[in-house]
């Protein structure tokens, strides 16, 4: 089932960690090549690439683990808005539903000012990726709040798509807060 793709990738990570460095580089290049073969990276591909590189690049490349730098939501306010805005927009095509989902997520981040849903052109996977990179340097308490906010955002419409579940899992993994597979009989 497509909802189990990231779970399967997670199970493969220990074996991938045993690859020699040059084989990992070939594997990584092939993974990126296949994801970009249709000239765009979709949510599922993004989630897989994010998870694999976050877990394996530090073993094979000169990538430093994030250091906790943020102990307050105010220090990462813009990244929180970008993260929730992107989740809200990818999960809802209608503007009012996306705004509702964004607000539901913000409710979980009580320490932030209420903000309007960022414009669609600002809610890209690239902005999402940069936000996650910064938010990885947050304290465990902030990461928990962020994960709760992301969950509230994608659950606002009462329906969890496979893509939303994968994006939530990639977010949780990026924040070092892995979550179990999200199975829903209605996932599409």
N, C-alpha and C. Protein backbone atom coordinates (compact mmCIF):
# COMPACT_ATOMS: atom_id res chain seq x y z
N UNK A 1 0.86 -1.19 0.00
CA UNK A 1 0.00 0.00 0.00
C UNK A 1 0.89 1.23 0.00
N UNK A 2 0.48 2.25 -0.74
CA UNK A 2 1.30 3.45 -0.87
C UNK A 2 1.53 4.15 0.47
N UNK A 3 0.64 3.96 1.44
CA UNK A 3 0.81 4.59 2.75
C UNK A 3 1.99 3.99 3.51
N UNK A 4 2.51 2.87 3.05
CA UNK A 4 3.61 2.21 3.74
C UNK A 4 4.98 2.47 3.11
N UNK A 5 5.03 3.31 2.08
CA UNK A 5 6.29 3.56 1.38
C UNK A 5 7.40 4.05 2.32
N UNK A 6 7.10 5.06 3.12
CA UNK A 6 8.14 5.59 4.01
C UNK A 6 8.49 4.61 5.11
N UNK A 7 7.54 3.80 5.53
CA UNK A 7 7.84 2.76 6.53
C UNK A 7 8.83 1.76 5.95
N UNK A 8 8.63 1.38 4.71
CA UNK A 8 9.56 0.47 4.06
C UNK A 8 10.94 1.12 3.92
N UNK A 9 10.98 2.38 3.55
CA UNK A 9 12.26 3.09 3.45
C UNK A 9 12.95 3.15 4.81
N UNK A 10 12.18 3.37 5.86
CA UNK A 10 12.74 3.41 7.22
C UNK A 10 13.36 2.06 7.57
N UNK A 11 12.69 0.99 7.20
CA UNK A 11 13.23 -0.35 7.46
C UNK A 11 14.52 -0.61 6.67
N UNK A 12 14.67 0.04 5.53
CA UNK A 12 15.87 -0.15 4.71
C UNK A 12 17.07 0.66 5.20
N UNK A 13 16.83 1.67 6.02
CA UNK A 13 17.93 2.55 6.46
C UNK A 13 19.10 1.79 7.11
N UNK A 14 18.87 0.84 8.03
CA UNK A 14 20.02 0.14 8.62
C UNK A 14 20.89 -0.56 7.58
N UNK A 15 20.29 -1.16 6.57
CA UNK A 15 21.07 -1.81 5.52
C UNK A 15 21.83 -0.77 4.70
N UNK A 16 21.18 0.34 4.41
CA UNK A 16 21.84 1.40 3.63
C UNK A 16 23.02 2.00 4.39
N UNK A 17 22.95 1.99 5.71
CA UNK A 17 24.07 2.53 6.51
C UNK A 17 25.34 1.70 6.35
N UNK A 18 25.22 0.47 5.89
CA UNK A 18 26.38 -0.40 5.75
C UNK A 18 27.05 -0.28 4.39
N UNK A 19 26.47 0.51 3.49
CA UNK A 19 27.07 0.69 2.17
C UNK A 19 28.45 1.34 2.28
N UNK A 20 29.37 0.95 1.41
CA UNK A 20 30.61 1.72 1.31
C UNK A 20 30.28 3.13 0.79
N UNK A 21 31.08 4.10 1.13
CA UNK A 21 30.84 5.50 0.77
C UNK A 21 30.56 5.73 -0.69
N UNK A 22 31.36 5.12 -1.57
CA UNK A 22 31.17 5.34 -3.01
C UNK A 22 29.85 4.73 -3.49
N UNK A 23 29.42 3.62 -2.90
CA UNK A 23 28.13 3.04 -3.28
C UNK A 23 26.98 3.90 -2.78
N UNK A 24 27.16 4.51 -1.61
CA UNK A 24 26.11 5.40 -1.12
C UNK A 24 25.94 6.59 -2.08
N UNK A 25 27.06 7.14 -2.55
CA UNK A 25 26.97 8.28 -3.48
C UNK A 25 26.24 7.89 -4.77
N UNK A 26 26.50 6.68 -5.26
CA UNK A 26 25.79 6.19 -6.46
C UNK A 26 24.31 6.02 -6.14
N UNK A 27 24.02 5.42 -5.01
CA UNK A 27 22.62 5.24 -4.59
C UNK A 27 21.91 6.59 -4.47
N UNK A 28 22.57 7.53 -3.82
CA UNK A 28 21.98 8.86 -3.61
C UNK A 28 21.74 9.57 -4.94
N UNK A 29 22.73 9.55 -5.82
CA UNK A 29 22.58 10.18 -7.13
C UNK A 29 21.44 9.53 -7.92
N UNK A 30 21.34 8.21 -7.86
CA UNK A 30 20.28 7.50 -8.57
C UNK A 30 18.92 7.86 -8.01
N UNK A 31 18.81 7.95 -6.70
CA UNK A 31 17.56 8.32 -6.05
C UNK A 31 17.10 9.71 -6.50
N UNK A 32 18.02 10.67 -6.51
CA UNK A 32 17.68 12.02 -6.96
C UNK A 32 17.35 12.04 -8.46
N UNK A 33 18.08 11.27 -9.25
CA UNK A 33 17.81 11.20 -10.69
C UNK A 33 16.41 10.67 -10.95
N UNK A 34 16.04 9.59 -10.26
CA UNK A 34 14.71 9.00 -10.45
C UNK A 34 13.60 9.93 -9.99
N UNK A 35 13.83 10.61 -8.88
CA UNK A 35 12.81 11.54 -8.37
C UNK A 35 12.59 12.69 -9.35
N UNK A 36 13.65 13.13 -10.00
CA UNK A 36 13.54 14.28 -10.91
C UNK A 36 13.30 13.88 -12.36
N UNK A 37 13.11 12.59 -12.62
CA UNK A 37 12.97 12.11 -14.00
C UNK A 37 11.81 12.76 -14.73
N UNK A 38 10.75 13.12 -14.02
CA UNK A 38 9.60 13.76 -14.67
C UNK A 38 9.66 15.28 -14.56
N UNK A 39 10.82 15.80 -14.22
CA UNK A 39 11.10 17.24 -14.12
C UNK A 39 10.42 17.94 -12.95
N UNK A 40 9.89 17.18 -12.00
CA UNK A 40 9.37 17.79 -10.79
C UNK A 40 9.44 16.79 -9.64
N UNK A 41 9.55 17.33 -8.45
CA UNK A 41 9.57 16.51 -7.25
C UNK A 41 8.20 16.62 -6.60
N UNK A 42 7.48 15.50 -6.49
CA UNK A 42 6.17 15.55 -5.83
C UNK A 42 6.35 15.34 -4.32
N UNK A 43 5.26 15.41 -3.58
CA UNK A 43 5.33 15.32 -2.12
C UNK A 43 5.93 14.00 -1.66
N UNK A 44 5.54 12.91 -2.27
CA UNK A 44 6.06 11.60 -1.87
C UNK A 44 7.56 11.51 -2.13
N UNK A 45 7.98 11.99 -3.29
CA UNK A 45 9.40 11.98 -3.61
C UNK A 45 10.18 12.87 -2.65
N UNK A 46 9.64 14.05 -2.37
CA UNK A 46 10.28 14.96 -1.44
C UNK A 46 10.44 14.30 -0.08
N UNK A 47 9.37 13.69 0.42
CA UNK A 47 9.41 13.06 1.74
C UNK A 47 10.48 11.97 1.79
N UNK A 48 10.56 11.16 0.75
CA UNK A 48 11.57 10.10 0.72
C UNK A 48 12.98 10.68 0.66
N UNK A 49 13.20 11.63 -0.22
CA UNK A 49 14.53 12.25 -0.35
C UNK A 49 14.95 12.91 0.96
N UNK A 50 14.03 13.61 1.58
CA UNK A 50 14.34 14.31 2.84
C UNK A 50 14.74 13.31 3.91
N UNK A 51 13.96 12.24 4.03
CA UNK A 51 14.23 11.25 5.07
C UNK A 51 15.55 10.53 4.82
N UNK A 52 15.78 10.11 3.60
CA UNK A 52 17.01 9.37 3.30
C UNK A 52 18.24 10.25 3.52
N UNK A 53 18.23 11.46 2.98
CA UNK A 53 19.41 12.32 3.12
C UNK A 53 19.63 12.77 4.57
N UNK A 54 18.57 13.03 5.29
CA UNK A 54 18.73 13.44 6.70
C UNK A 54 19.33 12.33 7.54
N UNK A 55 18.96 11.10 7.24
CA UNK A 55 19.45 9.98 8.03
C UNK A 55 20.80 9.44 7.57
N UNK A 56 21.10 9.56 6.29
CA UNK A 56 22.32 8.93 5.78
C UNK A 56 23.44 9.91 5.43
N UNK A 57 23.13 11.11 4.99
CA UNK A 57 24.19 12.06 4.64
C UNK A 57 25.18 12.30 5.78
N UNK A 58 24.75 12.42 7.03
CA UNK A 58 25.73 12.63 8.09
C UNK A 58 26.75 11.49 8.24
N UNK A 59 26.39 10.29 7.78
CA UNK A 59 27.31 9.16 7.86
C UNK A 59 28.33 9.15 6.72
N UNK A 60 27.93 9.68 5.58
CA UNK A 60 28.76 9.56 4.38
C UNK A 60 29.31 10.88 3.86
N UNK A 61 28.78 11.98 4.32
CA UNK A 61 29.18 13.30 3.83
C UNK A 61 29.53 14.17 5.02
N UNK A 62 30.15 15.28 4.74
CA UNK A 62 30.54 16.21 5.80
C UNK A 62 29.33 17.08 6.15
N UNK A 63 28.36 16.48 6.83
CA UNK A 63 27.15 17.17 7.23
C UNK A 63 27.10 17.18 8.75
N UNK A 64 26.97 18.36 9.30
CA UNK A 64 26.93 18.49 10.75
C UNK A 64 25.50 18.33 11.27
N UNK A 65 25.38 17.66 12.39
CA UNK A 65 24.08 17.54 13.03
C UNK A 65 23.69 18.91 13.59
N UNK A 66 22.39 19.24 13.52
CA UNK A 66 21.96 20.55 14.03
C UNK A 66 22.19 20.67 15.54
N UNK A 67 22.56 21.86 15.95
CA UNK A 67 22.76 22.18 17.36
C UNK A 67 21.56 23.00 17.81
N UNK A 68 21.10 22.72 19.02
CA UNK A 68 19.94 23.46 19.53
C UNK A 68 20.32 24.93 19.68
N UNK A 69 19.59 25.78 18.95
CA UNK A 69 19.82 27.22 18.97
C UNK A 69 18.58 28.00 19.35
N UNK A 70 17.42 27.35 19.27
CA UNK A 70 16.15 28.06 19.48
C UNK A 70 15.38 27.44 20.64
N UNK A 71 15.10 28.26 21.63
CA UNK A 71 14.37 27.82 22.81
C UNK A 71 13.03 28.52 22.92
N UNK A 72 12.72 29.36 21.95
CA UNK A 72 11.47 30.11 21.93
C UNK A 72 10.92 30.10 20.51
N UNK A 73 9.61 30.02 20.41
CA UNK A 73 8.98 30.06 19.09
C UNK A 73 9.22 31.38 18.38
N UNK A 74 9.42 32.44 19.13
CA UNK A 74 9.62 33.75 18.52
C UNK A 74 10.86 33.77 17.62
N UNK A 75 11.87 32.97 17.97
CA UNK A 75 13.10 32.92 17.17
C UNK A 75 12.94 32.21 15.84
N UNK A 76 11.87 31.42 15.71
CA UNK A 76 11.63 30.66 14.48
C UNK A 76 10.22 30.93 13.94
N UNK A 77 9.71 32.09 14.25
CA UNK A 77 8.35 32.47 13.87
C UNK A 77 8.11 32.31 12.37
N UNK A 78 8.98 32.91 11.55
CA UNK A 78 8.78 32.86 10.10
C UNK A 78 8.84 31.43 9.57
N UNK A 79 9.71 30.62 10.13
CA UNK A 79 9.80 29.22 9.70
C UNK A 79 8.54 28.45 10.08
N UNK A 80 7.97 28.77 11.24
CA UNK A 80 6.70 28.13 11.65
C UNK A 80 5.59 28.48 10.67
N UNK A 81 5.52 29.74 10.28
CA UNK A 81 4.50 30.17 9.32
C UNK A 81 4.70 29.48 7.98
N UNK A 82 5.95 29.37 7.55
CA UNK A 82 6.24 28.71 6.26
C UNK A 82 5.87 27.23 6.32
N UNK A 83 6.21 26.58 7.41
CA UNK A 83 5.91 25.17 7.57
C UNK A 83 4.41 24.91 7.55
N UNK A 84 3.68 25.62 8.39
CA UNK A 84 2.23 25.42 8.48
C UNK A 84 1.52 25.90 7.22
N UNK A 85 1.97 26.98 6.64
CA UNK A 85 1.37 27.48 5.42
C UNK A 85 1.49 26.48 4.28
N UNK A 86 2.64 25.88 4.16
CA UNK A 86 2.85 24.90 3.10
C UNK A 86 2.00 23.66 3.35
N UNK A 87 1.98 23.18 4.58
CA UNK A 87 1.13 22.02 4.90
C UNK A 87 -0.34 22.32 4.60
N UNK A 88 -0.78 23.50 5.00
CA UNK A 88 -2.18 23.88 4.80
C UNK A 88 -2.52 23.95 3.31
N UNK A 89 -1.63 24.53 2.53
CA UNK A 89 -1.90 24.69 1.09
C UNK A 89 -1.81 23.37 0.34
N UNK A 90 -0.87 22.50 0.72
CA UNK A 90 -0.76 21.22 0.03
C UNK A 90 -1.92 20.30 0.37
N UNK A 91 -2.54 20.50 1.53
CA UNK A 91 -3.65 19.65 1.93
C UNK A 91 -5.02 20.18 1.54
N UNK A 92 -5.09 21.42 1.07
CA UNK A 92 -6.38 22.04 0.76
C UNK A 92 -6.25 22.94 -0.45
N UNK A 93 -7.04 22.67 -1.46
CA UNK A 93 -6.98 23.49 -2.67
C UNK A 93 -7.75 24.79 -2.52
N UNK A 94 -8.79 24.79 -1.70
CA UNK A 94 -9.61 26.00 -1.52
C UNK A 94 -8.98 26.91 -0.48
N UNK A 95 -8.96 28.20 -0.78
CA UNK A 95 -8.30 29.20 0.07
C UNK A 95 -8.86 29.20 1.49
N UNK A 96 -10.18 29.15 1.65
CA UNK A 96 -10.77 29.22 2.98
C UNK A 96 -10.45 27.96 3.80
N UNK A 97 -10.39 26.82 3.15
CA UNK A 97 -10.04 25.58 3.87
C UNK A 97 -8.57 25.58 4.26
N UNK A 98 -7.71 26.10 3.38
CA UNK A 98 -6.29 26.20 3.70
C UNK A 98 -6.09 27.17 4.87
N UNK A 99 -6.80 28.28 4.87
CA UNK A 99 -6.69 29.25 5.97
C UNK A 99 -7.17 28.63 7.28
N UNK A 100 -8.24 27.84 7.22
CA UNK A 100 -8.75 27.17 8.42
C UNK A 100 -7.71 26.19 8.97
N UNK A 101 -7.10 25.40 8.08
CA UNK A 101 -6.07 24.44 8.51
C UNK A 101 -4.87 25.17 9.11
N UNK A 102 -4.46 26.26 8.47
CA UNK A 102 -3.34 27.07 8.98
C UNK A 102 -3.65 27.57 10.39
N UNK A 103 -4.87 28.08 10.59
CA UNK A 103 -5.28 28.58 11.90
C UNK A 103 -5.29 27.47 12.95
N UNK A 104 -5.73 26.29 12.57
CA UNK A 104 -5.74 25.15 13.50
C UNK A 104 -4.32 24.81 13.94
N UNK A 105 -3.40 24.87 13.00
CA UNK A 105 -2.01 24.63 13.36
C UNK A 105 -1.46 25.70 14.28
N UNK A 106 -1.77 26.96 13.96
CA UNK A 106 -1.29 28.08 14.79
C UNK A 106 -1.82 28.02 16.21
N UNK A 107 -3.03 27.50 16.38
CA UNK A 107 -3.61 27.38 17.73
C UNK A 107 -2.70 26.55 18.64
N UNK A 108 -1.99 25.60 18.07
CA UNK A 108 -1.09 24.75 18.85
C UNK A 108 0.20 25.47 19.23
N UNK A 109 0.47 26.58 18.58
CA UNK A 109 1.68 27.36 18.84
C UNK A 109 1.28 28.64 19.57
N UNK A 110 0.77 28.49 20.75
CA UNK A 110 0.22 29.61 21.51
C UNK A 110 1.14 30.80 21.67
N UNK A 111 2.44 30.62 21.55
CA UNK A 111 3.37 31.72 21.76
C UNK A 111 3.58 32.61 20.56
N UNK A 112 2.88 32.34 19.46
CA UNK A 112 3.06 33.15 18.25
C UNK A 112 1.86 34.04 18.00
N UNK A 113 2.14 35.18 17.38
CA UNK A 113 1.06 36.08 16.98
C UNK A 113 0.22 35.40 15.91
N UNK A 114 -1.06 35.72 15.89
CA UNK A 114 -1.93 35.23 14.82
C UNK A 114 -1.46 35.88 13.53
N UNK A 115 -1.43 35.11 12.51
CA UNK A 115 -0.91 35.57 11.23
C UNK A 115 -1.84 35.08 10.14
N UNK A 116 -1.84 35.76 9.04
CA UNK A 116 -2.61 35.32 7.88
C UNK A 116 -1.86 34.19 7.17
N UNK A 117 -2.60 33.36 6.47
CA UNK A 117 -2.02 32.29 5.67
C UNK A 117 -1.07 32.91 4.64
N UNK A 118 0.19 32.43 4.58
CA UNK A 118 1.12 32.98 3.58
C UNK A 118 0.57 32.76 2.16
N UNK A 119 0.93 33.63 1.23
CA UNK A 119 0.46 33.48 -0.16
C UNK A 119 0.96 32.17 -0.77
N UNK A 120 0.22 31.68 -1.73
CA UNK A 120 0.53 30.40 -2.36
C UNK A 120 1.95 30.35 -2.92
N UNK A 121 2.41 31.46 -3.51
CA UNK A 121 3.75 31.44 -4.11
C UNK A 121 4.86 31.33 -3.06
N UNK A 122 4.55 31.60 -1.80
CA UNK A 122 5.55 31.46 -0.73
C UNK A 122 5.52 30.06 -0.12
N UNK A 123 4.51 29.27 -0.45
CA UNK A 123 4.34 27.95 0.14
C UNK A 123 4.80 26.86 -0.83
N UNK A 124 6.11 26.72 -0.92
CA UNK A 124 6.71 25.76 -1.83
C UNK A 124 7.47 24.70 -1.04
N UNK A 125 7.81 23.61 -1.70
CA UNK A 125 8.61 22.60 -1.02
C UNK A 125 10.00 23.14 -0.68
N UNK A 126 10.49 24.07 -1.48
CA UNK A 126 11.79 24.68 -1.19
C UNK A 126 11.72 25.49 0.10
N UNK A 127 10.67 26.29 0.26
CA UNK A 127 10.50 27.07 1.50
C UNK A 127 10.29 26.14 2.69
N UNK A 128 9.53 25.09 2.47
CA UNK A 128 9.27 24.07 3.50
C UNK A 128 10.59 23.44 3.94
N UNK A 129 11.43 23.09 2.97
CA UNK A 129 12.72 22.46 3.23
C UNK A 129 13.63 23.39 4.04
N UNK A 130 13.70 24.65 3.65
CA UNK A 130 14.53 25.61 4.39
C UNK A 130 14.01 25.80 5.81
N UNK A 131 12.69 25.84 5.96
CA UNK A 131 12.10 25.98 7.29
C UNK A 131 12.48 24.78 8.15
N UNK A 132 12.40 23.58 7.60
CA UNK A 132 12.76 22.38 8.36
C UNK A 132 14.23 22.39 8.77
N UNK A 133 15.09 22.85 7.86
CA UNK A 133 16.52 22.93 8.19
C UNK A 133 16.75 23.82 9.41
N UNK A 134 16.08 24.95 9.46
CA UNK A 134 16.23 25.86 10.60
C UNK A 134 15.57 25.28 11.85
N UNK A 135 14.36 24.76 11.69
CA UNK A 135 13.61 24.24 12.84
C UNK A 135 14.27 23.02 13.47
N UNK A 136 15.15 22.33 12.73
CA UNK A 136 15.88 21.20 13.29
C UNK A 136 16.78 21.65 14.45
N UNK A 137 17.09 22.93 14.50
CA UNK A 137 17.91 23.48 15.58
C UNK A 137 17.09 23.98 16.76
N UNK A 138 15.86 23.55 16.86
CA UNK A 138 14.98 23.96 17.97
C UNK A 138 15.10 22.98 19.13
N UNK A 139 14.70 23.45 20.28
CA UNK A 139 14.72 22.60 21.47
C UNK A 139 13.67 21.50 21.34
N UNK A 140 13.81 20.41 22.10
CA UNK A 140 12.81 19.34 22.05
C UNK A 140 11.39 19.82 22.36
N UNK A 141 11.23 20.75 23.26
CA UNK A 141 9.90 21.26 23.60
C UNK A 141 9.27 21.98 22.40
N UNK A 142 10.06 22.76 21.68
CA UNK A 142 9.55 23.45 20.50
C UNK A 142 9.22 22.43 19.40
N UNK A 143 10.07 21.44 19.24
CA UNK A 143 9.81 20.42 18.22
C UNK A 143 8.49 19.70 18.49
N UNK A 144 8.21 19.41 19.75
CA UNK A 144 6.95 18.76 20.09
C UNK A 144 5.77 19.67 19.73
N UNK A 145 5.88 20.94 20.08
CA UNK A 145 4.82 21.89 19.73
C UNK A 145 4.63 21.95 18.22
N UNK A 146 5.73 21.98 17.48
CA UNK A 146 5.65 22.04 16.02
C UNK A 146 4.97 20.81 15.44
N UNK A 147 5.32 19.65 15.96
CA UNK A 147 4.71 18.43 15.47
C UNK A 147 3.21 18.40 15.79
N UNK A 148 2.84 18.86 16.98
CA UNK A 148 1.42 18.97 17.33
C UNK A 148 0.71 19.94 16.38
N UNK A 149 1.37 21.06 16.07
CA UNK A 149 0.79 22.05 15.16
C UNK A 149 0.63 21.49 13.75
N UNK A 150 1.63 20.77 13.28
CA UNK A 150 1.55 20.16 11.94
C UNK A 150 0.43 19.13 11.89
N UNK A 151 0.30 18.35 12.95
CA UNK A 151 -0.76 17.33 13.01
C UNK A 151 -2.12 18.01 12.99
N UNK A 152 -2.29 19.06 13.78
CA UNK A 152 -3.57 19.79 13.80
C UNK A 152 -3.88 20.39 12.44
N UNK A 153 -2.87 20.89 11.78
CA UNK A 153 -3.04 21.51 10.46
C UNK A 153 -3.54 20.50 9.44
N UNK A 154 -2.89 19.34 9.36
CA UNK A 154 -3.31 18.37 8.34
C UNK A 154 -4.59 17.65 8.72
N UNK A 155 -4.94 17.65 10.01
CA UNK A 155 -6.16 16.97 10.46
C UNK A 155 -7.37 17.90 10.45
N UNK A 156 -7.18 19.16 10.13
CA UNK A 156 -8.26 20.16 10.22
C UNK A 156 -9.47 19.80 9.37
N UNK A 157 -9.24 19.16 8.23
CA UNK A 157 -10.38 18.82 7.37
C UNK A 157 -10.96 17.44 7.67
N UNK A 158 -10.38 16.75 8.66
CA UNK A 158 -10.89 15.44 9.05
C UNK A 158 -10.51 14.32 8.12
N UNK A 159 -9.61 14.60 7.18
CA UNK A 159 -9.22 13.60 6.19
C UNK A 159 -7.71 13.64 6.00
N UNK A 160 -7.07 12.50 6.08
CA UNK A 160 -5.62 12.42 5.92
C UNK A 160 -5.30 11.71 4.61
N UNK A 161 -4.67 12.44 3.70
CA UNK A 161 -4.24 11.80 2.45
C UNK A 161 -2.88 11.15 2.67
N UNK A 162 -2.52 10.25 1.79
CA UNK A 162 -1.22 9.60 1.88
C UNK A 162 -0.11 10.66 1.80
N UNK A 163 -0.25 11.61 0.89
CA UNK A 163 0.77 12.66 0.73
C UNK A 163 0.93 13.48 2.01
N UNK A 164 -0.20 13.82 2.65
CA UNK A 164 -0.13 14.57 3.92
C UNK A 164 0.56 13.74 4.99
N UNK A 165 0.23 12.46 5.05
CA UNK A 165 0.86 11.58 6.04
C UNK A 165 2.36 11.46 5.81
N UNK A 166 2.75 11.36 4.54
CA UNK A 166 4.18 11.27 4.24
C UNK A 166 4.90 12.57 4.57
N UNK A 167 4.27 13.69 4.28
CA UNK A 167 4.87 14.97 4.60
C UNK A 167 5.00 15.14 6.12
N UNK A 168 4.00 14.68 6.86
CA UNK A 168 4.08 14.74 8.33
C UNK A 168 5.20 13.84 8.83
N UNK A 169 5.34 12.65 8.26
CA UNK A 169 6.42 11.74 8.69
C UNK A 169 7.78 12.33 8.36
N UNK A 170 7.92 12.95 7.19
CA UNK A 170 9.20 13.57 6.83
C UNK A 170 9.50 14.74 7.76
N UNK A 171 8.46 15.48 8.13
CA UNK A 171 8.63 16.59 9.07
C UNK A 171 9.08 16.06 10.42
N UNK A 172 8.39 15.05 10.91
CA UNK A 172 8.72 14.47 12.21
C UNK A 172 10.15 13.91 12.20
N UNK A 173 10.51 13.23 11.13
CA UNK A 173 11.86 12.69 11.02
C UNK A 173 12.90 13.81 11.02
N UNK A 174 12.61 14.89 10.29
CA UNK A 174 13.53 16.03 10.23
C UNK A 174 13.71 16.69 11.58
N UNK A 175 12.69 16.61 12.41
CA UNK A 175 12.75 17.20 13.75
C UNK A 175 13.22 16.20 14.79
N UNK A 176 13.66 15.04 14.34
CA UNK A 176 14.11 13.95 15.22
C UNK A 176 13.00 13.47 16.15
N UNK A 177 11.79 13.47 15.66
CA UNK A 177 10.61 13.00 16.41
C UNK A 177 9.84 12.01 15.55
N UNK A 178 10.44 10.87 15.22
CA UNK A 178 9.76 9.94 14.30
C UNK A 178 8.38 9.53 14.82
N UNK A 179 7.47 9.34 13.90
CA UNK A 179 6.13 8.89 14.23
C UNK A 179 5.89 7.55 13.54
N UNK A 180 4.99 6.73 14.08
CA UNK A 180 4.68 5.46 13.43
C UNK A 180 3.92 5.69 12.13
N UNK A 181 3.80 4.65 11.32
CA UNK A 181 3.03 4.80 10.08
C UNK A 181 1.61 5.28 10.40
N UNK A 182 1.11 6.17 9.56
CA UNK A 182 -0.23 6.70 9.74
C UNK A 182 -1.16 5.98 8.77
N UNK A 183 -1.89 5.02 9.29
CA UNK A 183 -2.78 4.26 8.44
C UNK A 183 -4.20 4.74 8.63
N UNK A 184 -4.87 4.94 7.52
CA UNK A 184 -6.26 5.40 7.55
C UNK A 184 -6.98 4.68 6.44
N UNK A 185 -8.07 4.07 6.76
CA UNK A 185 -8.83 3.33 5.75
C UNK A 185 -9.23 4.24 4.60
N UNK A 186 -9.36 5.55 4.84
CA UNK A 186 -9.81 6.47 3.80
C UNK A 186 -8.66 7.11 3.06
N UNK A 187 -7.41 6.83 3.45
CA UNK A 187 -6.27 7.50 2.81
C UNK A 187 -6.31 7.28 1.32
N UNK A 188 -6.07 8.37 0.59
CA UNK A 188 -6.12 8.27 -0.87
C UNK A 188 -4.84 8.78 -1.48
